[in-house]
C-alpha atoms as a PDB file:
ATOM      1  CA  MET A   1       7.753  -4.391  10.844  1.00  0.00           C
ATOM      2  CA  ILE A   2       6.981  -4.726   7.234  1.00  0.00           C
ATOM      3  CA  ALA A   3       7.132  -8.382   6.078  1.00  0.00           C
ATOM      4  CA  THR A   4       8.997  -8.840   2.918  1.00  0.00           C
ATOM      5  CA  GLU A   5       7.973 -12.529   2.726  1.00  0.00           C
ATOM      6  CA  ASN A   6       5.903 -15.183   5.011  1.00  0.00           C
ATOM      7  CA  GLY A   7       7.710 -15.753   7.806  1.00  0.00           C
ATOM      8  CA  ILE A   8       7.743 -15.186  11.963  1.00  0.00           C
ATOM      9  CA  TYR A   9      10.007 -12.387  13.136  1.00  0.00           C
ATOM     10  CA  ILE A  10      11.816 -11.344  16.294  1.00  0.00           C
ATOM     11  CA  SER A  11      12.353  -7.721  17.578  1.00  0.00           C
ATOM     12  CA  ASP A  12      15.962  -6.917  19.069  1.00  0.00           C
ATOM     13  CA  LYS A  13      14.573  -6.705  22.451  1.00  0.00           C
ATOM     14  CA  ALA A  14      12.995 -10.108  22.330  1.00  0.00           C
ATOM     15  CA  LYS A  15      16.195 -11.522  20.486  1.00  0.00           C
ATOM     16  CA  ILE A  16      18.507 -10.318  23.443  1.00  0.00           C
ATOM     17  CA  LYS A  17      15.877 -11.790  26.126  1.00  0.00           C
ATOM     18  CA  VAL A  18      15.524 -15.432  24.313  1.00  0.00           C
ATOM     19  CA  LEU A  19      19.674 -15.388  24.218  1.00  0.00           C
ATOM     20  CA  GLN A  20      19.492 -14.482  27.957  1.00  0.00           C
ATOM     21  CA  LEU A  21      17.291 -17.278  28.413  1.00  0.00           C
ATOM     22  CA  MET A  22      19.285 -19.823  26.553  1.00  0.00           C
ATOM     23  CA  LYS A  23      22.117 -18.947  28.443  1.00  0.00           C
ATOM     24  CA  ASP A  24      20.204 -19.501  31.905  1.00  0.00           C
ATOM     25  CA  ALA A  25      18.801 -22.970  30.435  1.00  0.00           C
ATOM     26  CA  GLY A  26      22.651 -23.991  29.573  1.00  0.00           C
ATOM     27  CA  VAL A  27      21.698 -24.191  25.757  1.00  0.00           C
ATOM     28  CA  GLU A  28      23.522 -21.138  24.507  1.00  0.00           C
ATOM     29  CA  GLY A  29      25.926 -21.734  21.495  1.00  0.00           C
ATOM     30  CA  ASP A  30      24.323 -25.051  20.830  1.00  0.00           C
ATOM     31  CA  SER A  31      23.480 -24.674  17.394  1.00  0.00           C
ATOM     32  CA  ASN A  32      20.913 -27.459  17.700  1.00  0.00           C
ATOM     33  CA  TYR A  33      18.437 -25.731  19.862  1.00  0.00           C
ATOM     34  CA  PHE A  34      16.250 -23.216  18.489  1.00  0.00           C
ATOM     35  CA  LEU A  35      13.019 -21.363  19.641  1.00  0.00           C
ATOM     36  CA  ARG A  36       9.763 -23.263  19.251  1.00  0.00           C
ATOM     37  CA  VAL A  37       6.992 -20.835  18.526  1.00  0.00           C
ATOM     38  CA  GLY A  38       3.483 -22.419  18.657  1.00  0.00           C
ATOM     39  CA  VAL A  39      -0.398 -21.909  19.000  1.00  0.00           C
ATOM     40  CA  VAL A  40      -2.660 -23.884  21.356  1.00  0.00           C
ATOM     41  CA  GLY A  41      -6.128 -24.002  22.215  1.00  0.00           C
ATOM     42  CA  GLY A  42      -7.148 -22.251  25.138  1.00  0.00           C
ATOM     43  CA  GLY A  43      -7.343 -18.892  26.790  1.00  0.00           C
ATOM     44  CA  CYS A  44      -9.994 -16.246  27.234  1.00  0.00           C
ATOM     45  CA  SER A  45      -9.960 -15.731  23.291  1.00  0.00           C
ATOM     46  CA  GLY A  46      -9.544 -19.310  22.455  1.00  0.00           C
ATOM     47  CA  LEU A  47      -6.107 -19.619  21.238  1.00  0.00           C
ATOM     48  CA  SER A  48      -2.733 -19.145  23.154  1.00  0.00           C
ATOM     49  CA  TYR A  49       0.849 -18.875  22.356  1.00  0.00           C
ATOM     50  CA  LYS A  50       3.395 -21.017  23.222  1.00  0.00           C
ATOM     51  CA  LEU A  51       7.252 -20.558  23.314  1.00  0.00           C
ATOM     52  CA  ASP A  52       9.782 -23.399  24.179  1.00  0.00           C
ATOM     53  CA  PHE A  53      13.333 -24.325  23.363  1.00  0.00           C
ATOM     54  CA  ASP A  54      13.583 -27.305  21.310  1.00  0.00           C
ATOM     55  CA  ASN A  55      16.293 -29.431  19.373  1.00  0.00           C
ATOM     56  CA  GLU A  56      14.298 -31.550  17.255  1.00  0.00           C
ATOM     57  CA  VAL A  57      12.793 -30.485  14.095  1.00  0.00           C
ATOM     58  CA  LYS A  58       9.665 -32.351  12.960  1.00  0.00           C
ATOM     59  CA  PRO A  59       8.997 -33.527   9.261  1.00  0.00           C
ATOM     60  CA  MET A  60       5.987 -30.593   8.853  1.00  0.00           C
ATOM     61  CA  ASP A  61       7.909 -27.985  10.906  1.00  0.00           C
ATOM     62  CA  GLN A  62       8.445 -24.768   9.039  1.00  0.00           C
ATOM     63  CA  VAL A  63      11.930 -23.265   9.806  1.00  0.00           C
ATOM     64  CA  PHE A  64      12.810 -19.511   9.816  1.00  0.00           C
ATOM     65  CA  GLU A  65      15.711 -17.419  10.560  1.00  0.00           C
ATOM     66  CA  ASP A  66      15.418 -13.701  11.905  1.00  0.00           C
ATOM     67  CA  LYS A  67      18.464 -11.612  12.968  1.00  0.00           C
ATOM     68  CA  GLY A  68      20.684 -14.842  13.353  1.00  0.00           C
ATOM     69  CA  LEU A  69      18.185 -16.926  15.679  1.00  0.00           C
ATOM     70  CA  LYS A  70      16.238 -19.828  14.322  1.00  0.00           C
ATOM     71  CA  LEU A  71      12.546 -19.752  14.608  1.00  0.00           C
ATOM     72  CA  VAL A  72      10.529 -23.018  14.322  1.00  0.00           C
ATOM     73  CA  THR A  73       6.940 -23.795  14.378  1.00  0.00           C
ATOM     74  CA  ASP A  74       4.567 -26.696  13.059  1.00  0.00           C
ATOM     75  CA  LEU A  75       2.620 -26.125  10.128  1.00  0.00           C
ATOM     76  CA  LYS A  76      -0.640 -25.702  11.654  1.00  0.00           C
ATOM     77  CA  SER A  77       0.412 -23.075  14.113  1.00  0.00           C
ATOM     78  CA  PHE A  78       2.165 -21.259  10.859  1.00  0.00           C
ATOM     79  CA  LEU A  79      -1.448 -20.827   9.648  1.00  0.00           C
ATOM     80  CA  TYR A  80      -2.247 -18.478  12.535  1.00  0.00           C
ATOM     81  CA  LEU A  81       1.317 -16.758  12.879  1.00  0.00           C
ATOM     82  CA  VAL A  82       2.127 -16.022   9.108  1.00  0.00           C
ATOM     83  CA  ASN A  83       4.193 -12.499   9.568  1.00  0.00           C
ATOM     84  CA  THR A  84       3.862 -12.355  13.329  1.00  0.00           C
ATOM     85  CA  GLU A  85       6.625 -10.609  15.161  1.00  0.00           C
ATOM     86  CA  LEU A  86       7.649 -11.818  18.839  1.00  0.00           C
ATOM     87  CA  ASP A  87       8.448  -8.643  20.936  1.00  0.00           C
ATOM     88  CA  PHE A  88       9.548  -8.246  24.472  1.00  0.00           C
ATOM     89  CA  SER A  89       8.376  -5.527  26.991  1.00  0.00           C
ATOM     90  CA  ASP A  90      10.165  -4.761  30.401  1.00  0.00           C
ATOM     91  CA  GLY A  91       7.954  -1.506  30.870  1.00  0.00           C
ATOM     92  CA  LEU A  92       5.355  -0.926  33.633  1.00  0.00           C
ATOM     93  CA  ASN A  93       2.530  -1.978  31.868  1.00  0.00           C
ATOM     94  CA  GLY A  94       3.608  -5.419  31.723  1.00  0.00           C
ATOM     95  CA  LYS A  95       6.917  -7.655  31.290  1.00  0.00           C
ATOM     96  CA  GLY A  96       7.289 -10.151  28.953  1.00  0.00           C
ATOM     97  CA  PHE A  97       6.964 -11.718  25.494  1.00  0.00           C
ATOM     98  CA  TYR A  98       4.373 -10.538  23.411  1.00  0.00           C
ATOM     99  CA  PHE A  99       3.103 -11.136  19.526  1.00  0.00           C
ATOM    100  CA  ASP A 100       2.633  -8.459  17.105  1.00  0.00           C
ATOM    101  CA  ASN A 101       0.123 -10.599  15.377  1.00  0.00           C
ATOM    102  CA  PRO A 102      -1.570  -9.297  11.753  1.00  0.00           C
ATOM    103  CA  ASN A 103      -3.744 -12.189  11.663  1.00  0.00           C
ATOM    104  CA  ALA A 104      -5.495 -11.731  15.173  1.00  0.00           C
ATOM    105  CA  SER A 105      -8.818 -10.239  15.012  1.00  0.00           C
ATOM    106  CA  ARG A 106      -9.045  -9.642  18.631  1.00  0.00           C
ATOM    107  CA  SER A 107      -6.883 -10.366  21.847  1.00  0.00           C
ATOM    108  CA  CYS A 108      -7.454 -10.225  25.607  1.00  0.00           C
ATOM    109  CA  GLY A 109      -5.858  -8.033  28.092  1.00  0.00           C
ATOM    110  CA  CYS A 110      -3.084 -10.335  28.974  1.00  0.00           C
ATOM    111  CA  GLY A 111      -1.813 -10.564  25.546  1.00  0.00           C
ATOM    112  CA  ASP A 112      -1.565 -14.193  25.919  1.00  0.00           C
ATOM    113  CA  SER A 113      -4.651 -15.175  24.063  1.00  0.00           C
ATOM    114  CA  PHE A 114      -6.156 -14.162  20.509  1.00  0.00           C
ATOM    115  CA  ALA A 115      -8.841 -15.263  18.019  1.00  0.00           C
ATOM    116  CA  VAL A 116      -8.857 -15.177  14.342  1.00  0.00           C
END
């Protein structure tokens, strides 16, 4: 992935999985819902990623759209997530979402935690 502007991006595989999860949650096709991406303190490297469905954009939120999917993050999290791509793996070495974050100086083996 080569970022052409500062944003948050999603791979095709992650988009397919997010849409499936939105369907499972009963919010598929509801244009009020989007994927909220965030960073919280904790994890073995100091910071952890957080994903959730939400339908309320807050005043300081940063809103992006990639591949037709709306991605929202709070301003503080965005400082850690600039030009990050959300991806999904269903391989033998681990199944789930992971972040390709160019801002992370290191990450832990589980892929859920990082440091800058």
